[in-house]
Amino acid sequence: MPPEDSRDLFPGAIEMMVLQTLRQGPLHGYALVQQIQRNSNDLLQIEEGSLYPALQRMLKAGWLSAEWGLSSSNRKVRIYKITPAGRKQLIKEVSRFERMLSGISRVMKAVES
């Protein structure tokens, strides 16, 4: 993203996007970043400095599991997989996001009136 378009994500956004992306199947960190970027049509770019601490928090919370494997280029990587607890958390995060978006929409419509 160009610097003038750069915006911080709201709290929990990275976790929600990672959990949603991992519902499609296990991935390593770099592949997660690429998939999120592709799925957002290049609107979102997750920096490593944000991704890896989030992955560690999610592992600690039990939302993800991880094991060592090999990337397509034969590099040793940590592959992440969503757990049943992560699936439950995703439902909560999406619900919270939808409520927040609804509230923002109401405020924007009120301002337009």
Protein backbone atom coordinates (compact mmCIF):
# COMPACT_ATOMS: atom_id res chain seq x y z
CA MET A 1 0.00 0.00 0.00
CA PRO A 2 1.27 3.48 -0.71
CA PRO A 3 2.05 5.40 2.49
CA GLU A 4 -0.76 7.93 1.92
CA ASP A 5 -3.29 5.06 1.82
CA SER A 6 -1.80 3.23 4.79
CA ARG A 7 -4.22 2.68 7.66
CA ASP A 8 -3.95 0.69 10.85
CA LEU A 9 -6.29 -2.27 11.10
CA PHE A 10 -8.76 -2.39 13.97
CA PRO A 11 -7.89 -4.63 16.94
CA GLY A 12 -8.54 -8.27 16.11
CA ALA A 13 -8.54 -7.77 12.33
CA ILE A 14 -5.37 -9.76 11.72
CA GLU A 15 -6.56 -12.59 13.93
CA MET A 16 -9.95 -12.69 12.17
CA MET A 17 -8.35 -12.73 8.70
CA VAL A 18 -5.80 -15.39 9.68
CA LEU A 19 -8.47 -17.65 11.17
CA GLN A 20 -10.71 -17.20 8.14
CA THR A 21 -7.84 -17.90 5.74
CA LEU A 22 -6.78 -21.03 7.65
CA ARG A 23 -10.32 -22.42 7.37
CA GLN A 24 -9.32 -23.18 3.76
CA GLY A 25 -6.35 -25.25 4.92
CA PRO A 26 -3.01 -25.12 6.74
CA LEU A 27 -0.44 -22.53 5.62
CA HIS A 28 2.91 -21.16 6.71
CA GLY A 29 3.31 -17.49 7.63
CA TYR A 30 4.50 -16.15 4.29
CA ALA A 31 1.75 -18.04 2.44
CA LEU A 32 -0.80 -16.56 4.86
CA VAL A 33 0.38 -13.05 4.05
CA GLN A 34 0.19 -13.76 0.31
CA GLN A 35 -3.28 -15.30 0.57
CA ILE A 36 -4.68 -12.38 2.60
CA GLN A 37 -3.17 -9.93 0.13
CA ARG A 38 -4.64 -11.84 -2.85
CA ASN A 39 -8.07 -12.20 -1.22
CA SER A 40 -8.17 -8.45 -0.56
CA ASN A 41 -7.23 -7.64 -4.18
CA ASP A 42 -3.95 -6.21 -2.87
CA LEU A 43 -5.72 -3.71 -0.59
CA LEU A 44 -4.30 -5.28 2.58
CA GLN A 45 -0.68 -6.08 3.32
CA ILE A 46 0.15 -7.66 6.64
CA GLU A 47 3.66 -6.92 7.84
CA GLU A 48 5.75 -9.69 9.41
CA GLY A 49 6.13 -7.53 12.51
CA SER A 50 2.36 -7.74 13.00
CA LEU A 51 1.71 -11.25 11.71
CA TYR A 52 4.13 -13.33 13.76
CA PRO A 53 3.23 -11.83 17.16
CA ALA A 54 -0.46 -12.40 16.26
CA LEU A 55 0.29 -16.02 15.33
CA GLN A 56 2.06 -16.51 18.67
CA ARG A 57 -0.91 -15.04 20.56
CA MET A 58 -3.29 -17.34 18.69
CA LEU A 59 -1.11 -20.39 19.39
CA LYS A 60 -1.02 -19.48 23.08
CA ALA A 61 -4.82 -19.01 23.11
CA GLY A 62 -5.28 -22.43 21.50
CA TRP A 63 -6.89 -21.04 18.34
CA LEU A 64 -4.10 -22.46 16.16
CA SER A 65 -1.81 -25.43 16.17
CA ALA A 66 1.53 -25.53 14.37
CA GLU A 67 4.01 -28.08 13.15
CA TRP A 68 7.23 -27.90 11.22
CA GLY A 69 7.18 -28.70 7.53
CA LEU A 70 8.77 -27.74 4.23
CA SER A 71 7.75 -24.90 1.94
CA SER A 72 7.44 -25.32 -1.82
CA SER A 73 11.06 -24.14 -2.02
CA ASN A 74 12.21 -26.83 0.47
CA ARG A 75 12.69 -24.37 3.33
CA LYS A 76 11.82 -25.38 6.87
CA VAL A 77 8.64 -23.49 7.87
CA ARG A 78 6.08 -23.54 10.63
CA ILE A 79 2.70 -24.56 9.24
CA TYR A 80 -0.38 -23.24 11.05
CA LYS A 81 -3.77 -24.90 11.29
CA ILE A 82 -7.01 -23.62 12.82
CA THR A 83 -8.28 -25.58 15.85
CA PRO A 84 -11.90 -26.13 16.94
CA ALA A 85 -11.38 -23.34 19.51
CA GLY A 86 -10.14 -21.12 16.68
CA ARG A 87 -13.29 -21.83 14.68
CA LYS A 88 -15.41 -20.76 17.67
CA GLN A 89 -13.30 -17.63 18.11
CA LEU A 90 -13.71 -16.79 14.42
CA ILE A 91 -17.49 -16.82 14.82
CA LYS A 92 -17.16 -14.40 17.76
CA GLU A 93 -14.74 -12.13 15.87
CA VAL A 94 -16.96 -11.99 12.77
CA SER A 95 -20.01 -11.18 14.91
CA ARG A 96 -18.10 -8.40 16.69
CA PHE A 97 -16.87 -7.05 13.35
CA GLU A 98 -20.39 -7.04 11.87
CA ARG A 99 -21.74 -5.15 14.90
CA MET A 100 -18.94 -2.60 14.64
CA LEU A 101 -19.52 -2.17 10.90
CA SER A 102 -23.25 -1.75 11.48
CA GLY A 103 -22.60 0.95 14.08
CA ILE A 104 -20.20 2.81 11.79
CA SER A 105 -22.75 2.61 8.95
CA ARG A 106 -25.47 4.07 11.18
CA VAL A 107 -23.22 6.97 12.19
CA MET A 108 -22.30 7.67 8.56
CA LYS A 109 -25.96 7.65 7.48
CA ALA A 110 -26.91 9.95 10.38
CA VAL A 111 -24.24 12.43 9.34
CA GLU A 112 -25.52 12.40 5.73
CA SER A 113 -29.11 13.18 6.80
